[in-house]
N, C-alpha and C. Protein backbone atom coordinates (compact mmCIF):
# COMPACT_ATOMS: atom_id res chain seq x y z
N MET A 1 14.99 -7.99 -18.21
CA MET A 1 15.97 -9.01 -18.07
C MET A 1 15.35 -10.50 -18.88
N ARG A 2 16.34 -10.82 -19.79
CA ARG A 2 16.25 -12.15 -20.59
C ARG A 2 16.74 -13.50 -20.14
N THR A 3 15.48 -14.15 -19.84
CA THR A 3 16.10 -15.47 -19.34
C THR A 3 15.05 -16.82 -19.77
N THR A 4 15.59 -17.91 -19.86
CA THR A 4 14.77 -18.87 -20.21
C THR A 4 14.00 -19.74 -18.90
N LEU A 5 13.13 -19.93 -19.04
CA LEU A 5 12.15 -20.34 -17.55
C LEU A 5 11.32 -21.69 -18.14
N THR A 6 11.52 -22.84 -17.65
CA THR A 6 10.71 -23.90 -17.76
C THR A 6 9.56 -24.28 -16.63
N VAL A 7 8.27 -24.05 -17.17
CA VAL A 7 7.11 -24.54 -16.30
C VAL A 7 6.72 -25.69 -16.70
N ASP A 8 5.93 -26.18 -15.66
CA ASP A 8 5.15 -27.31 -15.97
C ASP A 8 4.22 -27.15 -17.16
N GLU A 9 3.54 -28.35 -17.60
CA GLU A 9 2.72 -28.22 -18.78
C GLU A 9 1.44 -27.41 -18.19
N ASP A 10 1.00 -27.83 -17.30
CA ASP A 10 -0.37 -27.28 -16.86
C ASP A 10 -0.47 -25.76 -16.74
N LEU A 11 0.71 -25.43 -16.09
CA LEU A 11 0.81 -23.95 -16.03
C LEU A 11 1.36 -23.20 -17.49
N GLY A 12 1.97 -23.90 -18.55
CA GLY A 12 2.03 -23.19 -19.61
C GLY A 12 0.60 -23.19 -20.33
N GLU A 13 0.06 -24.36 -20.28
CA GLU A 13 -1.26 -24.10 -20.84
C GLU A 13 -2.03 -23.12 -20.12
N ARG A 14 -2.34 -22.65 -19.07
CA ARG A 14 -3.05 -21.92 -18.31
C ARG A 14 -2.67 -20.56 -18.72
N LEU A 15 -1.17 -20.23 -18.71
CA LEU A 15 -0.83 -19.03 -19.22
C LEU A 15 -1.19 -18.75 -20.73
N THR A 16 -0.99 -19.39 -21.55
CA THR A 16 -1.03 -19.07 -22.85
C THR A 16 -2.86 -19.10 -23.10
N GLN A 17 -3.53 -19.88 -22.37
CA GLN A 17 -4.87 -19.52 -22.27
C GLN A 17 -5.25 -18.21 -21.88
N LEU A 18 -4.97 -17.75 -20.70
CA LEU A 18 -4.84 -16.39 -20.02
C LEU A 18 -4.77 -15.43 -21.45
N ALA A 19 -3.29 -15.83 -22.03
CA ALA A 19 -2.87 -14.73 -22.84
C ALA A 19 -3.75 -14.58 -23.61
N ARG A 20 -4.23 -15.54 -24.47
CA ARG A 20 -5.52 -15.55 -25.49
C ARG A 20 -6.82 -14.90 -25.15
N GLU A 21 -7.09 -15.08 -23.93
CA GLU A 21 -8.22 -14.38 -23.47
C GLU A 21 -8.05 -12.79 -23.38
N THR A 22 -6.91 -12.39 -22.62
CA THR A 22 -6.85 -11.14 -22.39
C THR A 22 -6.51 -10.38 -23.44
N GLY A 23 -5.67 -11.19 -24.57
CA GLY A 23 -5.23 -10.24 -25.81
C GLY A 23 -3.89 -9.84 -25.41
N GLN A 24 -3.34 -10.13 -24.50
CA GLN A 24 -2.06 -9.47 -23.71
C GLN A 24 -0.87 -10.64 -24.41
N PRO A 25 0.31 -10.00 -24.92
CA PRO A 25 1.35 -10.93 -25.07
C PRO A 25 1.77 -11.97 -23.67
N PHE A 26 2.27 -13.12 -24.15
CA PHE A 26 2.67 -14.24 -23.06
C PHE A 26 3.49 -13.41 -22.09
N LYS A 27 4.47 -12.53 -22.38
CA LYS A 27 5.32 -12.35 -21.23
C LYS A 27 4.88 -11.46 -20.48
N VAL A 28 3.70 -10.60 -20.62
CA VAL A 28 3.17 -9.60 -19.95
C VAL A 28 2.17 -10.71 -19.01
N VAL A 29 1.64 -11.67 -19.41
CA VAL A 29 0.88 -12.68 -18.45
C VAL A 29 1.77 -13.19 -17.53
N VAL A 30 2.79 -13.71 -17.70
CA VAL A 30 3.61 -14.31 -17.01
C VAL A 30 4.23 -13.40 -15.76
N ASN A 31 4.62 -12.18 -16.19
CA ASN A 31 5.11 -11.20 -15.32
C ASN A 31 3.93 -10.94 -14.27
N GLU A 32 2.83 -10.92 -14.84
CA GLU A 32 1.95 -10.12 -14.05
C GLU A 32 1.26 -11.49 -13.28
N ALA A 33 1.57 -12.67 -13.45
CA ALA A 33 1.31 -14.19 -12.41
C ALA A 33 2.55 -14.00 -11.48
N LEU A 34 3.64 -13.77 -11.97
CA LEU A 34 4.77 -13.81 -10.79
C LEU A 34 4.74 -12.58 -9.85
N ARG A 35 4.14 -11.47 -10.41
CA ARG A 35 4.11 -10.32 -9.52
C ARG A 35 2.99 -10.67 -8.16
N ARG A 36 2.21 -11.45 -8.68
CA ARG A 36 0.80 -11.36 -7.84
C ARG A 36 1.41 -12.46 -6.82
N GLY A 37 1.88 -13.66 -7.40
CA GLY A 37 2.26 -14.90 -6.77
C GLY A 37 3.27 -14.24 -5.52
N LEU A 38 4.17 -13.66 -6.01
CA LEU A 38 5.19 -13.07 -5.12
C LEU A 38 4.74 -12.18 -4.13
N GLY A 39 3.78 -11.08 -4.53
CA GLY A 39 3.19 -10.31 -3.46
C GLY A 39 2.45 -11.28 -2.36
N GLU A 40 2.03 -12.39 -3.07
CA GLU A 40 1.18 -12.90 -2.00
C GLU A 40 2.26 -13.90 -0.74
N LEU A 41 3.23 -14.21 -1.39
CA LEU A 41 4.35 -14.81 -0.58
C LEU A 41 5.09 -13.93 0.46
N ALA A 42 5.19 -12.35 0.00
CA ALA A 42 6.18 -11.61 0.98
C ALA A 42 5.41 -11.47 2.12
N PRO A 43 6.01 -11.44 3.23
CA PRO A 43 5.18 -11.16 4.43
C PRO A 43 4.67 -9.43 4.49
N PRO A 44 3.82 -9.85 5.29
CA PRO A 44 2.87 -8.12 5.32
C PRO A 44 3.74 -7.55 5.96
N THR A 45 3.91 -5.95 5.58
CA THR A 45 4.85 -5.00 5.65
C THR A 45 4.22 -3.87 6.92
N ASP A 46 2.93 -4.21 6.82
CA ASP A 46 1.82 -3.11 7.53
C ASP A 46 1.57 -3.47 8.75
N THR A 47 2.01 -4.56 9.44
CA THR A 47 1.71 -5.26 10.49
C THR A 47 2.74 -4.95 11.73
N PHE A 48 2.65 -4.52 12.78
CA PHE A 48 3.54 -4.65 13.70
C PHE A 48 3.01 -5.40 14.94
N ASP A 49 3.82 -5.61 16.11
CA ASP A 49 3.70 -6.36 17.17
C ASP A 49 3.61 -5.30 18.45
N TYR A 50 2.39 -5.00 19.33
CA TYR A 50 2.47 -4.42 20.32
C TYR A 50 1.57 -5.04 21.70
N GLN A 51 2.09 -4.36 22.58
CA GLN A 51 1.37 -4.84 23.99
C GLN A 51 0.79 -3.67 24.53
N PRO A 52 -0.81 -4.08 24.31
CA PRO A 52 -1.56 -2.74 24.91
C PRO A 52 -1.51 -2.68 26.34
N HIS A 53 -1.40 -1.70 26.98
CA HIS A 53 -1.51 -1.30 28.57
C HIS A 53 -2.63 -0.30 28.99
N ALA A 54 -3.05 -0.35 30.18
CA ALA A 54 -3.80 0.66 30.77
C ALA A 54 -3.40 1.93 30.88
N GLY A 55 -3.93 3.12 30.36
CA GLY A 55 -3.23 4.30 30.39
C GLY A 55 -3.60 4.90 31.91
N ARG A 56 -2.82 5.50 32.41
CA ARG A 56 -3.17 6.57 33.65
C ARG A 56 -3.06 7.92 33.08
N LEU A 57 -3.80 8.65 32.83
CA LEU A 57 -3.97 9.97 32.32
C LEU A 57 -4.37 10.69 33.85
N LEU A 58 -3.81 12.13 33.64
CA LEU A 58 -4.03 12.58 34.85
C LEU A 58 -5.61 13.59 34.67
N PRO A 59 -5.96 13.59 35.77
CA PRO A 59 -7.44 14.11 35.88
C PRO A 59 -7.13 15.73 34.84
N GLY A 60 -8.08 15.79 34.35
CA GLY A 60 -8.07 17.33 33.30
C GLY A 60 -7.56 16.99 31.99
N ILE A 61 -7.14 15.86 31.86
CA ILE A 61 -6.55 15.87 30.05
C ILE A 61 -7.08 14.79 29.63
N ASP A 62 -7.62 15.46 28.49
CA ASP A 62 -8.93 15.01 27.61
C ASP A 62 -7.93 14.56 26.43
N PRO A 63 -7.84 13.09 26.35
CA PRO A 63 -7.46 12.18 25.45
C PRO A 63 -8.12 12.57 23.67
N ARG A 64 -9.16 13.05 23.91
CA ARG A 64 -9.30 13.19 22.64
C ARG A 64 -8.61 14.68 21.74
N GLY A 65 -8.19 15.54 22.85
CA GLY A 65 -7.46 16.83 22.24
C GLY A 65 -6.31 16.61 22.16
N PHE A 66 -5.51 15.41 21.74
CA PHE A 66 -3.99 15.13 22.27
C PHE A 66 -3.50 15.56 20.51
N ASN A 67 -4.35 15.51 19.46
CA ASN A 67 -3.66 16.13 18.10
C ASN A 67 -4.46 17.30 17.81
N GLU A 68 -5.03 18.35 18.73
CA GLU A 68 -5.61 19.43 18.47
C GLU A 68 -4.49 20.28 17.99
N LEU A 69 -3.57 20.21 18.45
CA LEU A 69 -2.28 21.62 18.05
C LEU A 69 -1.67 20.78 16.75
N ALA A 70 -1.54 19.84 16.43
CA ALA A 70 -1.15 19.30 15.15
C ALA A 70 -2.27 19.74 14.26
N ASN A 71 -3.39 19.46 14.51
CA ASN A 71 -4.67 19.83 13.29
C ASN A 71 -4.34 21.41 13.25
N GLN A 72 -4.50 22.31 14.38
CA GLN A 72 -4.21 23.50 14.30
C GLN A 72 -3.30 24.01 13.28
N LEU A 73 -1.92 23.59 13.56
CA LEU A 73 -0.56 24.04 12.78
C LEU A 73 -1.32 23.48 11.39
N ASP A 74 -1.58 22.24 11.15
CA ASP A 74 -1.87 21.96 9.90
C ASP A 74 -2.97 22.97 9.06
N ASP A 75 -3.77 23.31 9.77
CA ASP A 75 -4.57 24.66 9.16
C ASP A 75 -4.33 25.59 9.02
N ASP A 76 -3.10 26.09 10.08
CA ASP A 76 -2.50 27.66 9.56
C ASP A 76 -1.64 27.10 8.62
N ARG A 77 -0.88 26.01 8.36
CA ARG A 77 0.02 25.92 7.31
C ARG A 77 -0.93 25.86 5.55
N PHE A 78 -2.00 25.25 5.70
CA PHE A 78 -2.82 25.18 4.46
C PHE A 78 -3.36 26.74 4.38
N LEU A 79 -3.78 27.48 5.53
CA LEU A 79 -4.14 28.82 4.86
C LEU A 79 -3.30 29.74 4.47
N ALA A 80 -1.86 29.57 5.21
CA ALA A 80 -0.87 30.38 4.68
C ALA A 80 -0.21 30.19 3.03
N ASN A 81 -0.38 28.95 3.06
CA ASN A 81 0.14 28.33 1.46
C ASN A 81 -1.23 28.72 0.41
N HIS A 82 -2.18 28.90 0.86
CA HIS A 82 -3.54 29.09 0.04
C HIS A 82 -3.74 30.48 0.00
N ALA A 83 -3.37 31.18 0.90
CA ALA A 83 -3.95 32.57 0.85
C ALA A 83 -4.05 33.17 -0.34
N VAL A 84 -5.00 34.25 -0.55
CA VAL A 84 -4.89 35.18 -1.72
C VAL A 84 -4.75 36.35 -1.44
N SER A 85 -3.38 36.58 -2.13
CA SER A 85 -2.83 37.80 -1.82
C SER A 85 -3.98 39.06 -2.26
N GLY A 86 -3.32 40.26 -1.65
CA GLY A 86 -4.58 41.50 -1.73
C GLY A 86 -3.72 42.23 -2.88
N LYS A 87 -3.30 41.78 -3.56
CA LYS A 87 -2.67 42.77 -4.69
C LYS A 87 -3.65 42.89 -5.74
């Protein structure tokens, strides 16, 4: 996209200096600065709100084994995909 952008004098000088120091074109420096600035302004997408609560597991249930079946299935799938045929 092509557009005209008016920036404050001090920003223009900093951008020009950075372009000279890095050897990059002015528009590359401006685009990178905008990307970084917009990234800092964006709300974080990897956070969520939760309310912890006390768990009440029945006797004999080991919470460490909850993912055991998933791990076994992943292992079986990996071995099936990487099995060396006996041909």
